[in-house]
Amino acid sequence: MRARTAAAAVGRVEFAALGGLAVVLTTDPGGIEAATEAVRAEVAAIDAACSRFREDSDLSRVNARSGEFVEVGPLFAEALAAALWAARITDGDVDPTCGTSVRSLGYDADFADLATGPVRSAVPSAGAGWTAVDWDEARCAVRIPAGTALDFGATAKALAADRAAGRAAAAAGCGVLVSLSGDLAVCGPAPEAGWHVLVTDDHRSDESAPGQAVVITEGGLATSSTTVRAWQAWSDETVPQLVTVHHIVDPRTGRPTDGSWRTASVAAATCLDANIAATAAIVRGHAAARWLAGLGLPARLARADGSAVTVGGWPEDPGSAAPPVSALPKLGIAAVRRPVLPRRHPLTGGRP
C-alpha cells in the first residue's frame, strides 16, 4: 500500500524506518519539516520500546527475563495494552505471545537478513496465550511465562502510525498522512480530493504496480499479507526440505497461516483497528469476510489467484478513481474503549 501524492501541491518526505519505509505527507508544504520531525521522534520512541531486534528495548528486556516481573516505560505499557486488547476482541486470533512461534520459524533477526539464504529449521511452536500475561499496575511491570516471547508485529507499528499522525498534525498545523511500511493513518483536514492511496500486495511497490486506488479522508488503512515478509527455511521433517514460511501465524498451532487470503486490506477509525482486523482476517480465512462485514469495516480480501472479495462498502474492483473509503467504525462493540491494561489478572481475577 502506497500513498499517492494528490494533484494539489503537498509536502512529502520519505525515510527508512522500522525495517521499511516511512512516508509523510502534509496538506501544507510549509509544514512538512515540522511533521517529519514529529514522525521521526515517534518512530524512534516506538523502536526503543517495542523492537525485537535491539537488546535495549523494553520488549527485548521482557522477553529476555521471561518468568520475572520487568518494569517498563509508559509507551511499552500502551503498546502492551493495545496488543492484549487486540487478542481479546479477536478471540485470540491476534496474540502477542506469538513471538515464540515467529522465532521458532527463523524470524529472529531483522527481516532484511533473512533474504541472504535459508534459515535454520522451521519448528512450529505455539505460544503460552495472551491470558497468561501478568500486569502489575503499581510498578508498571509485566511478567510473561518462562519460555514465552512477546511480539507486537500486528499492533505496534500501526499504533505508532496513529500516534505519529496526531503528533505531526499538531506540529505542522495542517492535515497529515503518515504511512509506516503501509500502515497508514491520517489526521487533520484532508486535501479537497482526499488522500489517494494505492492498495497492493506489497507496500514497497511503486505506482506502476498493479493494485487498486482508493481515497481516504479520515481514520486508518492497513494491509496484512503473507507474500511480503516470507522467507525460506528448512522443515523439521526427518528429511528436511526447503519450505516457504511467513510471519502471520495461527496462535493456536504456531504454524504460518495457510488460509484463504493472500492479502487483507481494511479501513477503520484508526490504523491500529485496521491492522488488527486485517491480521485477524488472514488467520480466520473464509470466515473473515462475514466477520468484517458484520463489524461494518470496509475491506478487500485477495485470494492467491489475485481475485478479490470486498465487504463493508469497500470500492469494487477495478477503479483508478474509486469512491472514498468512508464510514469507518471503531473495531469491536461500542462499549470497548481505547486499550487499557487489565488491573486484575485475566485468568484468576486477582492481582498478579
Protein backbone atom coordinates (compact mmCIF):
# COMPACT_ATOMS: atom_id res chain seq x y z
CA MET A 1 0.00 0.00 0.00
CA ARG A 2 1.42 3.36 -1.04
CA ALA A 3 0.25 6.92 -0.55
CA ARG A 4 -0.10 8.77 -3.83
CA THR A 5 0.57 12.50 -3.98
CA ALA A 6 -2.65 14.25 -4.94
CA ALA A 7 -2.80 16.70 -7.82
CA ALA A 8 -2.66 19.68 -5.44
CA ALA A 9 0.72 20.58 -4.01
CA VAL A 10 1.52 18.73 -0.80
CA GLY A 11 4.64 18.29 1.26
CA ARG A 12 6.25 14.85 1.01
CA VAL A 13 9.19 13.17 2.76
CA GLU A 14 10.28 9.53 2.77
CA PHE A 15 12.83 7.87 5.05
CA ALA A 16 13.80 4.41 6.27
CA ALA A 17 12.01 3.40 9.46
CA LEU A 18 11.20 0.23 11.41
CA GLY A 19 12.69 -2.04 8.78
CA GLY A 20 10.70 -0.40 5.98
CA LEU A 21 9.73 2.96 4.58
CA ALA A 22 8.05 5.90 6.29
CA VAL A 23 6.11 8.37 4.14
CA VAL A 24 4.91 11.72 5.49
CA LEU A 25 2.51 13.95 3.53
CA THR A 26 1.16 17.33 4.59
CA THR A 27 -1.60 19.42 3.02
CA ASP A 28 0.59 22.48 3.55
CA PRO A 29 4.08 22.04 2.05
CA GLY A 30 5.38 24.53 4.60
CA GLY A 31 4.51 22.14 7.41
CA ILE A 32 6.42 19.12 6.12
CA GLU A 33 9.59 19.77 8.12
CA ALA A 34 7.79 20.00 11.46
CA ALA A 35 5.61 17.00 10.61
CA THR A 36 8.59 14.88 9.62
CA GLU A 37 10.48 15.74 12.79
CA ALA A 38 7.45 14.68 14.84
CA VAL A 39 7.14 11.39 12.95
CA ARG A 40 10.84 10.64 13.32
CA ALA A 41 10.58 11.18 17.07
CA GLU A 42 7.57 8.86 17.35
CA VAL A 43 9.25 6.17 15.25
CA ALA A 44 12.37 6.35 17.42
CA ALA A 45 10.28 6.05 20.58
CA ILE A 46 8.31 3.00 19.40
CA ASP A 47 11.52 1.35 18.21
CA ALA A 48 13.14 1.86 21.62
CA ALA A 49 10.11 0.42 23.36
CA CYS A 50 8.95 -2.41 21.08
CA SER A 51 11.71 -3.60 18.74
CA ARG A 52 12.55 -7.31 18.81
CA PHE A 53 15.86 -6.55 17.13
CA ARG A 54 17.60 -4.31 19.69
CA GLU A 55 18.69 -5.68 23.02
CA ASP A 56 17.97 -2.48 24.94
CA SER A 57 14.27 -2.23 24.02
CA ASP A 58 11.64 -2.80 26.68
CA LEU A 59 10.26 -5.71 24.68
CA SER A 60 13.65 -7.43 24.43
CA ARG A 61 14.22 -6.98 28.16
CA VAL A 62 10.82 -8.51 28.93
CA ASN A 63 11.49 -11.45 26.60
CA ALA A 64 14.99 -12.00 27.99
CA ARG A 65 13.63 -12.21 31.53
CA SER A 66 10.53 -14.30 30.91
CA GLY A 67 9.14 -15.67 34.14
CA GLU A 68 10.05 -12.48 36.04
CA PHE A 69 8.35 -9.12 36.50
CA VAL A 70 10.13 -6.46 34.44
CA GLU A 71 9.48 -2.74 34.84
CA VAL A 72 8.67 -1.00 31.55
CA GLY A 73 8.07 2.51 30.27
CA PRO A 74 4.69 4.12 29.55
CA LEU A 75 4.91 3.68 25.78
CA PHE A 76 5.58 -0.05 26.11
CA ALA A 77 2.65 -0.24 28.54
CA GLU A 78 0.42 1.41 25.93
CA ALA A 79 1.67 -0.97 23.25
CA LEU A 80 1.10 -3.97 25.53
CA ALA A 81 -2.41 -2.75 26.28
CA ALA A 82 -3.11 -2.48 22.55
CA ALA A 83 -1.76 -5.99 21.93
CA LEU A 84 -3.83 -7.58 24.71
CA TRP A 85 -6.89 -5.64 23.59
CA ALA A 86 -6.36 -6.97 20.07
CA ALA A 87 -6.21 -10.52 21.41
CA ARG A 88 -9.39 -10.06 23.41
CA ILE A 89 -11.53 -8.62 20.63
CA THR A 90 -10.33 -11.19 18.06
CA ASP A 91 -10.83 -14.16 20.38
CA GLY A 92 -7.10 -14.79 20.37
CA ASP A 93 -6.57 -14.70 16.59
CA VAL A 94 -4.11 -11.83 17.11
CA ASP A 95 -1.96 -12.85 20.10
CA PRO A 96 1.18 -11.02 21.32
CA THR A 97 2.66 -14.22 22.77
CA CYS A 98 3.21 -15.45 19.19
CA GLY A 99 6.81 -14.21 19.48
CA THR A 100 7.77 -17.74 20.45
CA SER A 101 6.23 -19.07 17.24
CA VAL A 102 7.77 -16.44 14.98
CA ARG A 103 11.21 -17.08 16.46
CA SER A 104 10.88 -20.83 16.02
CA LEU A 105 10.20 -20.27 12.31
CA GLY A 106 13.50 -18.42 11.96
CA TYR A 107 12.35 -14.81 12.14
CA ASP A 108 14.71 -13.85 14.96
CA ALA A 109 16.69 -11.18 13.09
CA ASP A 110 15.87 -8.10 11.07
CA PHE A 111 13.86 -9.20 8.04
CA ALA A 112 16.48 -7.93 5.58
CA ASP A 113 18.91 -10.51 6.98
CA LEU A 114 16.53 -13.37 6.11
CA ALA A 115 16.90 -12.66 2.41
CA THR A 116 20.52 -13.87 2.41
CA GLY A 117 19.58 -17.58 2.38
CA PRO A 118 17.58 -20.34 4.10
CA VAL A 119 17.36 -20.12 7.88
CA ARG A 120 17.55 -22.94 10.36
CA SER A 121 14.77 -25.50 10.71
CA ALA A 122 11.23 -24.18 10.92
CA VAL A 123 9.84 -25.85 14.04
CA PRO A 124 6.26 -24.80 14.86
CA SER A 125 5.82 -23.77 18.47
CA ALA A 126 2.60 -22.32 19.91
CA GLY A 127 2.84 -19.51 22.47
CA ALA A 128 1.51 -19.50 26.02
CA GLY A 129 -1.55 -17.43 25.09
CA TRP A 130 -2.35 -13.80 25.84
CA THR A 131 -4.30 -14.54 29.04
CA ALA A 132 -1.07 -15.77 30.65
CA VAL A 133 0.44 -12.26 30.61
CA ASP A 134 0.62 -10.69 34.10
CA TRP A 135 0.48 -6.93 34.62
CA ASP A 136 1.46 -5.14 37.86
CA GLU A 137 -0.11 -1.69 37.60
CA ALA A 138 1.51 -0.29 40.71
CA ARG A 139 5.04 -0.98 39.46
CA CYS A 140 4.28 -0.64 35.73
CA ALA A 141 5.77 -4.10 35.33
CA VAL A 142 4.90 -7.12 33.22
CA ARG A 143 5.62 -10.81 33.55
CA ILE A 144 5.31 -13.40 30.79
CA PRO A 145 5.56 -17.16 31.32
CA ALA A 146 9.03 -18.68 31.20
CA GLY A 147 9.95 -19.62 27.66
CA THR A 148 7.46 -17.18 26.16
CA ALA A 149 8.31 -14.24 23.89
CA LEU A 150 6.15 -11.25 23.03
CA ASP A 151 5.81 -9.87 19.51
CA PHE A 152 3.85 -6.70 18.73
CA GLY A 153 4.07 -7.08 14.96
CA ALA A 154 0.29 -6.82 14.49
CA THR A 155 -0.14 -3.71 16.62
CA ALA A 156 2.95 -1.62 17.48
CA LYS A 157 3.69 -0.17 14.02
CA ALA A 158 0.02 0.67 13.49
CA LEU A 159 -0.13 2.26 16.93
CA ALA A 160 2.96 4.27 16.01
CA ALA A 161 1.28 5.44 12.78
CA ASP A 162 -1.74 6.70 14.73
CA ARG A 163 0.41 8.44 17.32
CA ALA A 164 2.74 9.90 14.70
CA ALA A 165 -0.11 11.26 12.58
CA GLY A 166 -1.63 13.02 15.57
CA ARG A 167 1.69 14.40 16.72
CA ALA A 168 2.64 15.51 13.20
CA ALA A 169 -0.68 17.25 12.54
CA ALA A 170 -0.32 19.19 15.78
CA ALA A 171 3.26 20.18 14.92
CA ALA A 172 2.53 21.15 11.33
CA GLY A 173 -0.84 22.80 11.92
CA CYS A 174 -2.39 21.11 8.87
CA GLY A 175 -3.65 17.79 7.57
CA VAL A 176 -1.17 14.92 7.65
CA LEU A 177 -0.87 11.41 6.28
CA VAL A 178 1.66 9.02 7.79
CA SER A 179 2.48 5.62 6.29
CA LEU A 180 4.83 3.22 8.08
CA SER A 181 5.50 0.39 5.62
CA GLY A 182 1.89 0.54 4.51
CA ASP A 183 0.30 1.04 7.93
CA LEU A 184 -1.41 4.33 7.19
CA ALA A 185 -3.05 6.96 9.41
CA VAL A 186 -4.40 10.42 8.64
CA CYS A 187 -5.11 13.31 10.97
CA GLY A 188 -6.48 16.80 10.39
CA PRO A 189 -8.26 18.14 7.30
CA ALA A 190 -7.65 16.04 4.19
CA PRO A 191 -6.94 17.58 0.78
CA GLU A 192 -10.04 18.62 -1.14
CA ALA A 193 -9.83 15.46 -3.26
CA GLY A 194 -8.85 13.29 -0.28
CA TRP A 195 -5.69 11.25 0.17
CA HIS A 196 -5.17 8.91 -2.78
CA VAL A 197 -3.80 5.52 -1.77
CA LEU A 198 -2.72 2.62 -3.97
CA VAL A 199 -3.58 -0.70 -2.35
CA THR A 200 -1.29 -3.53 -3.49
CA ASP A 201 0.09 -6.78 -2.11
CA ASP A 202 3.41 -5.10 -1.45
CA HIS A 203 3.80 -1.69 0.23
CA ARG A 204 7.23 -1.43 -1.43
CA SER A 205 5.69 -1.38 -4.92
CA ASP A 206 5.85 1.79 -6.99
CA GLU A 207 2.83 3.48 -8.52
CA SER A 208 3.10 1.39 -11.70
CA ALA A 209 2.41 -1.80 -9.73
CA PRO A 210 -0.99 -3.45 -10.16
CA GLY A 211 -3.44 -2.58 -7.43
CA GLN A 212 -6.50 -0.54 -6.63
CA ALA A 213 -6.66 3.18 -5.97
CA VAL A 214 -8.88 4.34 -3.13
CA VAL A 215 -9.41 7.67 -1.44
CA ILE A 216 -9.30 8.10 2.31
CA THR A 217 -10.20 11.22 4.27
CA GLU A 218 -10.09 10.02 7.86
CA GLY A 219 -9.02 7.16 10.10
CA GLY A 220 -6.56 4.48 9.08
CA LEU A 221 -5.87 1.86 6.46
CA ALA A 222 -3.74 -1.28 6.75
CA THR A 223 -2.87 -4.33 4.70
CA SER A 224 -1.70 -7.67 6.08
CA SER A 225 -0.03 -10.01 3.62
CA THR A 226 1.54 -13.45 3.54
CA THR A 227 3.63 -12.52 0.47
CA VAL A 228 5.88 -9.67 1.63
CA ARG A 229 7.51 -10.98 4.81
CA ALA A 230 8.15 -14.53 3.61
CA TRP A 231 11.41 -16.47 3.65
CA GLN A 232 12.94 -19.87 3.02
CA ALA A 233 13.56 -22.28 5.91
CA TRP A 234 14.43 -25.93 6.36
CA SER A 235 11.47 -28.01 7.50
CA ASP A 236 11.65 -30.07 10.70
CA GLU A 237 10.94 -33.33 8.90
CA THR A 238 13.17 -36.42 9.10
CA VAL A 239 14.47 -35.44 5.67
CA PRO A 240 14.48 -31.63 5.79
CA GLN A 241 13.10 -29.77 2.79
CA LEU A 242 13.15 -26.11 1.89
CA VAL A 243 9.79 -24.55 2.62
CA THR A 244 8.42 -21.02 2.38
CA VAL A 245 7.18 -19.57 5.65
CA HIS A 246 5.77 -16.18 6.57
CA HIS A 247 5.25 -14.05 9.67
CA ILE A 248 1.48 -14.38 10.21
CA VAL A 249 0.99 -17.41 12.41
CA ASP A 250 -2.04 -19.11 13.86
CA PRO A 251 -1.51 -18.63 17.61
CA ARG A 252 -3.15 -21.96 18.36
CA THR A 253 -0.66 -24.01 16.32
CA GLY A 254 2.39 -21.80 15.94
CA ARG A 255 2.34 -22.50 12.20
CA PRO A 256 2.11 -19.89 9.43
CA THR A 257 -1.48 -19.47 8.31
CA ASP A 258 -2.43 -21.33 5.17
CA GLY A 259 -5.87 -19.95 4.64
CA SER A 260 -7.99 -18.29 2.02
CA TRP A 261 -6.37 -14.90 1.62
CA ARG A 262 -3.07 -13.66 0.22
CA THR A 263 -3.73 -10.15 1.49
CA ALA A 264 -6.34 -8.39 3.60
CA SER A 265 -6.77 -4.61 3.43
CA VAL A 266 -9.05 -2.93 5.95
CA ALA A 267 -10.12 0.66 6.66
CA ALA A 268 -11.16 1.64 10.17
CA ALA A 269 -11.36 4.54 12.59
CA THR A 270 -7.68 4.09 13.43
CA CYS A 271 -4.71 2.36 11.84
CA LEU A 272 -4.48 0.15 14.92
CA ASP A 273 -8.06 -1.05 14.40
CA ALA A 274 -7.40 -1.60 10.70
CA ASN A 275 -4.26 -3.65 11.20
CA ILE A 276 -5.79 -5.80 13.95
CA ALA A 277 -8.73 -6.59 11.67
CA ALA A 278 -6.52 -7.26 8.65
CA THR A 279 -4.26 -9.64 10.56
CA ALA A 280 -7.21 -11.46 12.12
CA ALA A 281 -8.75 -11.80 8.65
CA ILE A 282 -5.68 -13.65 7.36
CA VAL A 283 -5.83 -16.01 10.34
CA ARG A 284 -9.60 -16.59 10.09
CA GLY A 285 -9.64 -17.50 6.41
CA HIS A 286 -13.05 -17.96 4.77
CA ALA A 287 -14.91 -16.77 7.87
CA ALA A 288 -13.20 -13.36 7.72
CA ALA A 289 -15.46 -11.85 5.06
CA ARG A 290 -18.63 -12.35 7.09
CA TRP A 291 -16.87 -11.23 10.30
CA LEU A 292 -15.62 -7.98 8.73
CA ALA A 293 -18.99 -7.30 7.12
CA GLY A 294 -20.70 -7.79 10.48
CA LEU A 295 -18.40 -5.18 12.01
CA GLY A 296 -19.12 -2.74 9.19
CA LEU A 297 -15.45 -2.47 8.29
CA PRO A 298 -14.62 -1.73 4.63
CA ALA A 299 -12.23 -4.46 3.49
CA ARG A 300 -10.68 -6.03 0.41
CA LEU A 301 -9.61 -9.68 0.67
CA ALA A 302 -7.37 -11.01 -2.12
CA ARG A 303 -7.07 -14.71 -2.94
CA ALA A 304 -3.90 -16.44 -4.11
CA ASP A 305 -5.02 -16.14 -7.74
CA GLY A 306 -5.41 -12.36 -7.40
CA SER A 307 -9.22 -12.29 -7.38
CA ALA A 308 -10.74 -10.26 -4.57
CA VAL A 309 -13.77 -10.08 -2.30
CA THR A 310 -14.89 -6.71 -0.98
CA VAL A 311 -17.16 -6.04 2.01
CA GLY A 312 -18.38 -3.15 4.13
CA GLY A 313 -18.59 -0.61 1.31
CA TRP A 314 -15.04 -1.05 0.03
CA PRO A 315 -14.97 0.19 -3.61
CA GLU A 316 -15.40 -2.56 -6.17
CA ASP A 317 -12.53 -3.56 -8.48
CA PRO A 318 -11.38 -2.17 -10.81
CA GLY A 319 -11.23 1.58 -10.25
CA SER A 320 -8.38 4.01 -10.74
CA ALA A 321 -10.71 6.66 -9.37
CA ALA A 322 -12.62 4.64 -6.82
CA PRO A 323 -15.00 6.45 -4.46
CA PRO A 324 -13.84 7.26 -0.93
CA VAL A 325 -13.50 4.59 1.71
CA SER A 326 -15.79 6.03 4.33
CA ALA A 327 -17.97 5.05 7.28
CA LEU A 328 -15.01 3.96 9.34
CA PRO A 329 -16.24 2.42 12.60
CA LYS A 330 -14.11 1.53 15.57
CA LEU A 331 -13.26 -2.15 15.72
CA GLY A 332 -15.32 -4.04 18.26
CA ILE A 333 -18.53 -3.12 20.06
CA ALA A 334 -19.34 0.40 21.17
CA ALA A 335 -18.64 -0.46 24.80
CA VAL A 336 -15.00 -1.26 24.03
CA ARG A 337 -12.90 1.78 24.82
CA ARG A 338 -9.33 2.53 23.84
CA PRO A 339 -6.85 -0.12 25.02
CA VAL A 340 -6.47 -0.21 28.79
CA LEU A 341 -4.38 -2.79 30.60
CA PRO A 342 -6.39 -5.03 32.92
CA ARG A 343 -5.96 -4.17 36.56
CA ARG A 344 -6.52 -7.77 37.51
CA HIS A 345 -5.06 -10.96 36.17
CA PRO A 346 -7.32 -12.05 33.29
CA LEU A 347 -7.42 -15.68 34.43
CA THR A 348 -7.78 -15.52 38.19
CA GLY A 349 -9.40 -12.12 38.64
CA GLY A 350 -6.85 -11.31 41.35
CA ARG A 351 -3.82 -9.10 41.45
CA PRO A 352 -0.76 -10.52 39.65
